[in-house]
């Protein structure tokens, strides 16, 4: 079954404030709470939908994703899709790679003993020598 729009579910406009969202959720939660409707499974289902809508719309990050991508943007959080809320690029492991364009020296450790087994630095340190002052008057 397709999920209902969270704003319609809580009967709110898209620009509703956090206080308005909380007020609408509390009103519907009281109406559909399982303790108030013990023999109504539909009320329990509606209560859970309202709770889910409230959790998304009160979290600014989740709300921004929902506003941009709808329910599909939030589904990525459960292990698939394009990411949603930080599941990575389709749950593929991320590995750091050294760029060959920069050359191997660009990624070598710079601390002595960090990379070479002999304890020598694996790079050539840059030596700054003072330039000789040229005496323009003596020429």
N, C-alpha and C. Protein backbone atom coordinates (compact mmCIF):
# COMPACT_ATOMS: atom_id res chain seq x y z
N UNK A 1 0.84 -1.17 0.00
CA UNK A 1 0.00 0.00 0.00
C UNK A 1 0.89 1.24 0.00
N UNK A 2 0.54 2.22 -0.79
CA UNK A 2 1.31 3.46 -0.88
C UNK A 2 1.13 4.27 0.40
N UNK A 3 2.21 4.90 0.82
CA UNK A 3 2.14 5.70 2.03
C UNK A 3 1.47 7.04 1.74
N UNK A 4 0.75 7.51 2.72
CA UNK A 4 0.07 8.80 2.60
C UNK A 4 1.07 9.92 2.88
N UNK A 5 0.85 11.05 2.26
CA UNK A 5 1.69 12.23 2.48
C UNK A 5 1.63 12.62 3.95
N UNK A 6 2.79 12.85 4.56
CA UNK A 6 2.84 13.14 5.99
C UNK A 6 2.10 14.43 6.35
N UNK A 7 2.17 15.42 5.48
CA UNK A 7 1.47 16.67 5.75
C UNK A 7 -0.03 16.48 5.71
N UNK A 8 -0.52 15.70 4.74
CA UNK A 8 -1.95 15.42 4.68
C UNK A 8 -2.39 14.56 5.84
N UNK A 9 -1.56 13.62 6.23
CA UNK A 9 -1.88 12.74 7.34
C UNK A 9 -2.11 13.53 8.63
N UNK A 10 -1.25 14.52 8.87
CA UNK A 10 -1.38 15.36 10.06
C UNK A 10 -2.25 16.59 9.82
N UNK A 11 -2.77 16.73 8.60
CA UNK A 11 -3.63 17.85 8.21
C UNK A 11 -2.91 19.18 8.45
N UNK A 12 -1.73 19.30 7.82
CA UNK A 12 -0.88 20.49 7.99
C UNK A 12 -0.46 21.05 6.64
N UNK A 13 -0.21 22.37 6.58
CA UNK A 13 0.39 22.93 5.37
C UNK A 13 1.88 22.60 5.34
N UNK A 14 2.49 22.73 4.18
CA UNK A 14 3.93 22.39 4.04
C UNK A 14 4.84 23.33 4.81
N UNK A 15 4.38 24.52 5.10
CA UNK A 15 5.22 25.47 5.84
C UNK A 15 4.88 25.50 7.33
N UNK A 16 4.33 24.43 7.86
CA UNK A 16 3.93 24.37 9.27
C UNK A 16 5.15 24.46 10.18
N UNK A 17 4.97 25.14 11.30
CA UNK A 17 6.06 25.26 12.26
C UNK A 17 6.14 23.98 13.09
N UNK A 18 7.23 23.86 13.84
CA UNK A 18 7.41 22.68 14.68
C UNK A 18 6.32 22.60 15.75
N UNK A 19 5.89 23.76 16.26
CA UNK A 19 4.82 23.78 17.27
C UNK A 19 3.50 23.29 16.66
N UNK A 20 3.22 23.69 15.42
CA UNK A 20 2.00 23.24 14.74
C UNK A 20 2.04 21.73 14.50
N UNK A 21 3.20 21.23 14.14
CA UNK A 21 3.36 19.78 13.90
C UNK A 21 3.11 19.01 15.19
N UNK A 22 3.68 19.51 16.27
CA UNK A 22 3.52 18.84 17.56
C UNK A 22 2.06 18.86 18.00
N UNK A 23 1.39 19.98 17.82
CA UNK A 23 -0.01 20.11 18.21
C UNK A 23 -0.89 19.14 17.41
N UNK A 24 -0.67 19.08 16.10
CA UNK A 24 -1.46 18.19 15.25
C UNK A 24 -1.19 16.72 15.60
N UNK A 25 0.07 16.40 15.87
CA UNK A 25 0.40 15.02 16.24
C UNK A 25 -0.27 14.63 17.55
N UNK A 26 -0.20 15.49 18.54
CA UNK A 26 -0.79 15.17 19.84
C UNK A 26 -2.30 14.98 19.73
N UNK A 27 -2.94 15.81 18.91
CA UNK A 27 -4.39 15.69 18.72
C UNK A 27 -4.74 14.33 18.11
N UNK A 28 -4.01 13.95 17.05
CA UNK A 28 -4.29 12.67 16.39
C UNK A 28 -3.84 11.47 17.23
N UNK A 29 -2.76 11.62 17.97
CA UNK A 29 -2.28 10.53 18.82
C UNK A 29 -3.31 10.22 19.91
N UNK A 30 -3.92 11.25 20.46
CA UNK A 30 -4.96 11.02 21.46
C UNK A 30 -6.18 10.35 20.84
N UNK A 31 -6.50 10.74 19.62
CA UNK A 31 -7.68 10.20 18.94
C UNK A 31 -7.49 8.72 18.58
N UNK A 32 -6.29 8.34 18.10
CA UNK A 32 -6.06 6.99 17.59
C UNK A 32 -5.24 6.10 18.53
N UNK A 33 -4.98 6.55 19.74
CA UNK A 33 -4.15 5.77 20.65
C UNK A 33 -4.77 4.40 20.92
N UNK A 34 -3.96 3.33 20.91
CA UNK A 34 -4.49 1.98 21.13
C UNK A 34 -5.19 1.80 22.49
N UNK A 35 -4.80 2.54 23.51
CA UNK A 35 -5.48 2.43 24.81
C UNK A 35 -6.90 3.01 24.75
N UNK A 36 -7.12 3.97 23.90
CA UNK A 36 -8.46 4.55 23.74
C UNK A 36 -9.32 3.74 22.78
N UNK A 37 -8.68 2.97 21.91
CA UNK A 37 -9.38 2.15 20.91
C UNK A 37 -8.85 0.71 20.98
N UNK A 38 -9.13 -0.01 22.06
CA UNK A 38 -8.50 -1.32 22.24
C UNK A 38 -8.92 -2.38 21.22
N UNK A 39 -10.08 -2.27 20.65
CA UNK A 39 -10.58 -3.29 19.72
C UNK A 39 -10.54 -2.85 18.26
N UNK A 40 -9.78 -1.80 17.96
CA UNK A 40 -9.76 -1.26 16.59
C UNK A 40 -8.34 -1.32 16.03
N UNK A 41 -8.03 -2.33 15.19
CA UNK A 41 -6.68 -2.41 14.62
C UNK A 41 -6.39 -1.27 13.64
N UNK A 42 -7.42 -0.73 13.01
CA UNK A 42 -7.23 0.40 12.10
C UNK A 42 -6.74 1.64 12.86
N UNK A 43 -7.25 1.85 14.06
CA UNK A 43 -6.82 2.98 14.88
C UNK A 43 -5.36 2.83 15.27
N UNK A 44 -4.95 1.60 15.57
CA UNK A 44 -3.55 1.37 15.91
C UNK A 44 -2.65 1.66 14.71
N UNK A 45 -3.09 1.24 13.54
CA UNK A 45 -2.33 1.51 12.31
C UNK A 45 -2.21 3.02 12.06
N UNK A 46 -3.31 3.75 12.24
CA UNK A 46 -3.28 5.20 12.04
C UNK A 46 -2.38 5.88 13.08
N UNK A 47 -2.40 5.35 14.32
CA UNK A 47 -1.53 5.89 15.37
C UNK A 47 -0.07 5.75 14.97
N UNK A 48 0.31 4.59 14.45
CA UNK A 48 1.69 4.36 14.03
C UNK A 48 2.08 5.25 12.86
N UNK A 49 1.16 5.47 11.92
CA UNK A 49 1.43 6.37 10.79
C UNK A 49 1.66 7.80 11.28
N UNK A 50 0.82 8.25 12.22
CA UNK A 50 0.97 9.60 12.77
C UNK A 50 2.30 9.76 13.49
N UNK A 51 2.68 8.73 14.22
CA UNK A 51 3.97 8.77 14.94
C UNK A 51 5.13 8.87 13.95
N UNK A 52 5.07 8.09 12.87
CA UNK A 52 6.12 8.12 11.85
C UNK A 52 6.19 9.50 11.20
N UNK A 53 5.02 10.06 10.88
CA UNK A 53 4.98 11.39 10.26
C UNK A 53 5.57 12.44 11.20
N UNK A 54 5.22 12.35 12.47
CA UNK A 54 5.74 13.31 13.45
C UNK A 54 7.26 13.21 13.57
N UNK A 55 7.79 11.98 13.61
CA UNK A 55 9.23 11.80 13.74
C UNK A 55 9.99 12.38 12.56
N UNK A 56 9.42 12.27 11.37
CA UNK A 56 10.08 12.82 10.18
C UNK A 56 9.97 14.33 10.14
N UNK A 57 8.78 14.86 10.37
CA UNK A 57 8.57 16.30 10.20
C UNK A 57 9.19 17.14 11.33
N UNK A 58 9.44 16.55 12.48
CA UNK A 58 10.06 17.31 13.57
C UNK A 58 11.58 17.33 13.49
N UNK A 59 12.17 16.41 12.75
CA UNK A 59 13.61 16.38 12.57
C UNK A 59 13.93 17.20 11.32
N UNK A 60 14.70 18.28 11.48
CA UNK A 60 14.92 19.20 10.36
C UNK A 60 15.63 18.52 9.18
N UNK A 61 16.58 17.60 9.45
CA UNK A 61 17.26 16.91 8.34
C UNK A 61 16.31 15.98 7.60
N UNK A 62 15.58 15.18 8.36
CA UNK A 62 14.64 14.25 7.73
C UNK A 62 13.55 15.01 6.97
N UNK A 63 13.10 16.11 7.54
CA UNK A 63 12.05 16.90 6.89
C UNK A 63 12.55 17.47 5.56
N UNK A 64 13.78 17.96 5.54
CA UNK A 64 14.33 18.51 4.30
C UNK A 64 14.43 17.44 3.23
N UNK A 65 14.84 16.25 3.62
CA UNK A 65 14.93 15.13 2.67
C UNK A 65 13.54 14.74 2.19
N UNK A 66 12.59 14.66 3.12
CA UNK A 66 11.22 14.30 2.76
C UNK A 66 10.62 15.35 1.82
N UNK A 67 10.86 16.64 2.12
CA UNK A 67 10.33 17.70 1.26
C UNK A 67 10.90 17.63 -0.15
N UNK A 68 12.15 17.22 -0.27
CA UNK A 68 12.80 17.17 -1.58
C UNK A 68 12.50 15.87 -2.33
N UNK A 69 12.55 14.73 -1.64
CA UNK A 69 12.46 13.44 -2.32
C UNK A 69 11.23 12.62 -1.96
N UNK A 70 10.47 13.04 -0.97
CA UNK A 70 9.30 12.27 -0.54
C UNK A 70 9.71 11.03 0.23
N UNK A 71 8.84 10.03 0.22
CA UNK A 71 9.11 8.79 0.96
C UNK A 71 10.34 8.06 0.41
N UNK A 72 10.61 8.19 -0.87
CA UNK A 72 11.76 7.51 -1.47
C UNK A 72 13.08 7.97 -0.86
N UNK A 73 13.18 9.24 -0.50
CA UNK A 73 14.40 9.76 0.11
C UNK A 73 14.66 9.17 1.48
N UNK A 74 13.60 8.81 2.18
CA UNK A 74 13.75 8.23 3.52
C UNK A 74 13.97 6.74 3.47
N UNK A 75 13.59 6.09 2.40
CA UNK A 75 13.77 4.65 2.28
C UNK A 75 15.24 4.27 2.22
N UNK A 76 16.10 5.14 1.72
CA UNK A 76 17.53 4.86 1.63
C UNK A 76 18.15 4.62 2.99
N UNK A 77 17.50 5.07 4.03
CA UNK A 77 17.99 4.90 5.39
C UNK A 77 17.87 3.46 5.85
N UNK A 78 17.13 2.64 5.13
CA UNK A 78 16.90 1.26 5.54
C UNK A 78 17.75 0.28 4.77
N UNK A 79 18.79 0.75 4.07
CA UNK A 79 19.74 -0.18 3.48
C UNK A 79 19.77 -0.24 1.97
N UNK A 80 19.03 0.56 1.27
CA UNK A 80 19.07 0.50 -0.18
C UNK A 80 18.93 1.89 -0.76
N UNK A 81 18.75 1.97 -2.04
CA UNK A 81 18.51 3.25 -2.68
C UNK A 81 19.77 4.07 -2.86
N UNK A 82 19.59 5.36 -2.93
CA UNK A 82 20.69 6.26 -3.22
C UNK A 82 21.26 6.93 -1.99
N UNK A 83 20.87 6.56 -0.84
CA UNK A 83 21.53 7.14 0.32
C UNK A 83 20.57 7.64 1.37
N UNK A 84 19.63 8.47 1.02
CA UNK A 84 18.72 9.00 2.03
C UNK A 84 19.48 9.74 3.11
N UNK A 85 19.58 9.16 4.27
CA UNK A 85 20.21 9.83 5.40
C UNK A 85 21.54 9.21 5.78
N UNK A 86 22.43 9.09 4.85
CA UNK A 86 23.78 8.69 5.18
C UNK A 86 24.06 7.21 5.06
N UNK A 87 23.38 6.49 4.22
CA UNK A 87 23.70 5.08 4.08
C UNK A 87 24.83 4.86 3.09
N UNK A 88 25.45 5.91 2.65
CA UNK A 88 26.56 5.78 1.71
C UNK A 88 26.06 5.69 0.29
N UNK A 89 26.93 5.36 -0.62
CA UNK A 89 26.55 5.24 -2.03
C UNK A 89 26.04 3.84 -2.27
N UNK A 90 24.81 3.59 -1.89
CA UNK A 90 24.24 2.27 -2.10
C UNK A 90 24.86 1.21 -1.21
N UNK A 91 25.36 1.61 -0.05
CA UNK A 91 25.96 0.71 0.93
C UNK A 91 27.23 0.03 0.43
N UNK A 92 27.94 0.62 -0.50
CA UNK A 92 29.22 0.09 -0.94
C UNK A 92 30.29 0.60 0.01
N UNK A 93 31.31 -0.20 0.30
CA UNK A 93 32.36 0.30 1.20
C UNK A 93 33.14 1.41 0.53
N UNK A 94 33.51 2.39 1.30
CA UNK A 94 34.25 3.53 0.78
C UNK A 94 35.72 3.32 1.13
N UNK A 95 36.57 3.41 0.11
CA UNK A 95 38.01 3.25 0.33
C UNK A 95 38.73 4.48 -0.20
N UNK A 96 39.72 4.89 0.53
CA UNK A 96 40.52 6.02 0.07
C UNK A 96 41.56 5.51 -0.92
N UNK A 97 41.72 6.22 -2.00
CA UNK A 97 42.70 5.83 -3.01
C UNK A 97 43.62 7.02 -3.28
N UNK A 98 44.88 6.70 -3.49
CA UNK A 98 45.84 7.74 -3.85
C UNK A 98 45.74 8.01 -5.34
N UNK A 99 45.75 9.24 -5.68
CA UNK A 99 45.66 9.60 -7.09
C UNK A 99 47.00 9.40 -7.77
N UNK A 100 47.02 8.73 -8.90
CA UNK A 100 48.26 8.50 -9.63
C UNK A 100 48.77 9.77 -10.28
N UNK A 101 47.89 10.73 -10.48
CA UNK A 101 48.32 11.98 -11.11
C UNK A 101 49.28 12.74 -10.21
N UNK A 102 49.12 12.59 -8.91
CA UNK A 102 49.97 13.33 -7.98
C UNK A 102 51.30 12.62 -7.77
N UNK A 103 51.38 11.36 -8.11
CA UNK A 103 52.61 10.62 -7.92
C UNK A 103 52.66 10.00 -6.54
N UNK A 104 53.48 9.00 -6.40
CA UNK A 104 53.55 8.27 -5.15
C UNK A 104 54.13 9.13 -4.03
N UNK A 105 55.01 10.08 -4.36
CA UNK A 105 55.63 10.90 -3.32
C UNK A 105 54.62 11.76 -2.60
N UNK A 106 53.51 12.07 -3.25
CA UNK A 106 52.51 12.94 -2.64
C UNK A 106 51.77 12.24 -1.52
N UNK A 107 51.77 10.91 -1.50
CA UNK A 107 51.02 10.20 -0.48
C UNK A 107 51.91 9.47 0.51
N UNK A 108 53.20 9.60 0.39
CA UNK A 108 54.11 8.95 1.32
C UNK A 108 54.07 9.65 2.67
N UNK A 109 54.31 8.91 3.74
CA UNK A 109 54.36 9.55 5.05
C UNK A 109 55.52 10.53 5.13
N UNK A 110 55.35 11.57 5.89
CA UNK A 110 56.41 12.58 5.98
C UNK A 110 57.15 12.53 7.31
N UNK A 111 56.72 11.71 8.23
CA UNK A 111 57.41 11.62 9.52
C UNK A 111 58.52 10.57 9.43
N UNK A 112 59.67 10.84 10.01
CA UNK A 112 60.74 9.85 9.99
C UNK A 112 60.30 8.56 10.67
N UNK A 113 60.57 7.46 10.02
CA UNK A 113 60.23 6.17 10.59
C UNK A 113 58.81 5.73 10.34
N UNK A 114 58.00 6.59 9.77
CA UNK A 114 56.60 6.25 9.59
C UNK A 114 56.40 5.32 8.41
N UNK A 115 57.22 5.42 7.39
CA UNK A 115 56.98 4.62 6.21
C UNK A 115 58.11 3.69 5.85
N UNK A 116 59.32 4.08 6.08
CA UNK A 116 60.46 3.25 5.69
C UNK A 116 60.87 2.36 6.84
N UNK A 117 61.13 1.08 6.59
CA UNK A 117 61.54 0.19 7.66
C UNK A 117 62.87 0.57 8.28
N UNK A 118 63.69 1.29 7.55
CA UNK A 118 65.02 1.65 8.07
C UNK A 118 64.97 2.82 9.04
N UNK A 119 63.83 3.45 9.18
CA UNK A 119 63.72 4.60 10.06
C UNK A 119 64.03 5.90 9.37
N UNK A 120 64.43 5.84 8.09
CA UNK A 120 64.70 7.06 7.35
C UNK A 120 63.39 7.64 6.83
N UNK A 121 63.34 8.92 6.65
CA UNK A 121 62.13 9.49 6.06
C UNK A 121 61.98 9.01 4.61
N UNK A 122 60.75 8.90 4.18
CA UNK A 122 60.50 8.41 2.82
C UNK A 122 60.36 9.54 1.83
N UNK A 123 60.71 10.71 2.23
CA UNK A 123 60.66 11.84 1.31
C UNK A 123 61.95 12.64 1.43
N UNK A 124 62.18 13.49 0.50
CA UNK A 124 63.33 14.36 0.55
C UNK A 124 62.89 15.68 1.16
N UNK A 125 63.43 16.02 2.33
CA UNK A 125 62.99 17.26 2.95
C UNK A 125 63.44 18.47 2.14
N UNK A 126 62.63 19.47 2.16
CA UNK A 126 62.96 20.69 1.44
C UNK A 126 63.85 21.54 2.34
N UNK A 127 64.98 21.96 1.82
CA UNK A 127 65.93 22.75 2.59
C UNK A 127 65.85 24.18 2.08
N UNK A 128 65.61 25.09 2.99
CA UNK A 128 65.55 26.50 2.63
C UNK A 128 66.90 27.12 2.93
N UNK A 129 67.57 27.59 1.93
CA UNK A 129 68.87 28.24 2.11
C UNK A 129 68.69 29.73 1.85
N UNK A 130 69.34 30.52 2.66
CA UNK A 130 69.22 31.96 2.41
C UNK A 130 69.94 32.32 1.11
N UNK A 131 69.32 33.15 0.38
CA UNK A 131 69.98 33.58 -0.88
C UNK A 131 71.12 34.55 -0.55
N UNK A 132 72.12 34.53 -1.40
CA UNK A 132 73.27 35.41 -1.19
C UNK A 132 72.86 36.81 -1.60
N UNK A 133 73.19 37.74 -0.76
CA UNK A 133 72.85 39.12 -1.14
C UNK A 133 73.75 39.57 -2.29
N UNK A 134 73.13 40.10 -3.26
CA UNK A 134 73.92 40.61 -4.40
C UNK A 134 74.27 42.06 -4.12
N UNK A 135 75.50 42.34 -4.29
CA UNK A 135 75.96 43.71 -4.06
C UNK A 135 75.95 44.43 -5.40
N UNK A 136 74.96 45.20 -5.64
CA UNK A 136 74.83 45.90 -6.91
C UNK A 136 75.91 46.97 -7.06
N UNK A 137 76.38 47.50 -5.98
CA UNK A 137 77.37 48.57 -6.06
C UNK A 137 78.73 48.06 -6.49
N UNK A 138 79.06 46.77 -6.22
CA UNK A 138 80.39 46.28 -6.54
C UNK A 138 80.52 45.92 -8.01
N UNK A 139 79.49 45.86 -8.73
CA UNK A 139 79.58 45.51 -10.15
C UNK A 139 79.83 46.66 -11.02
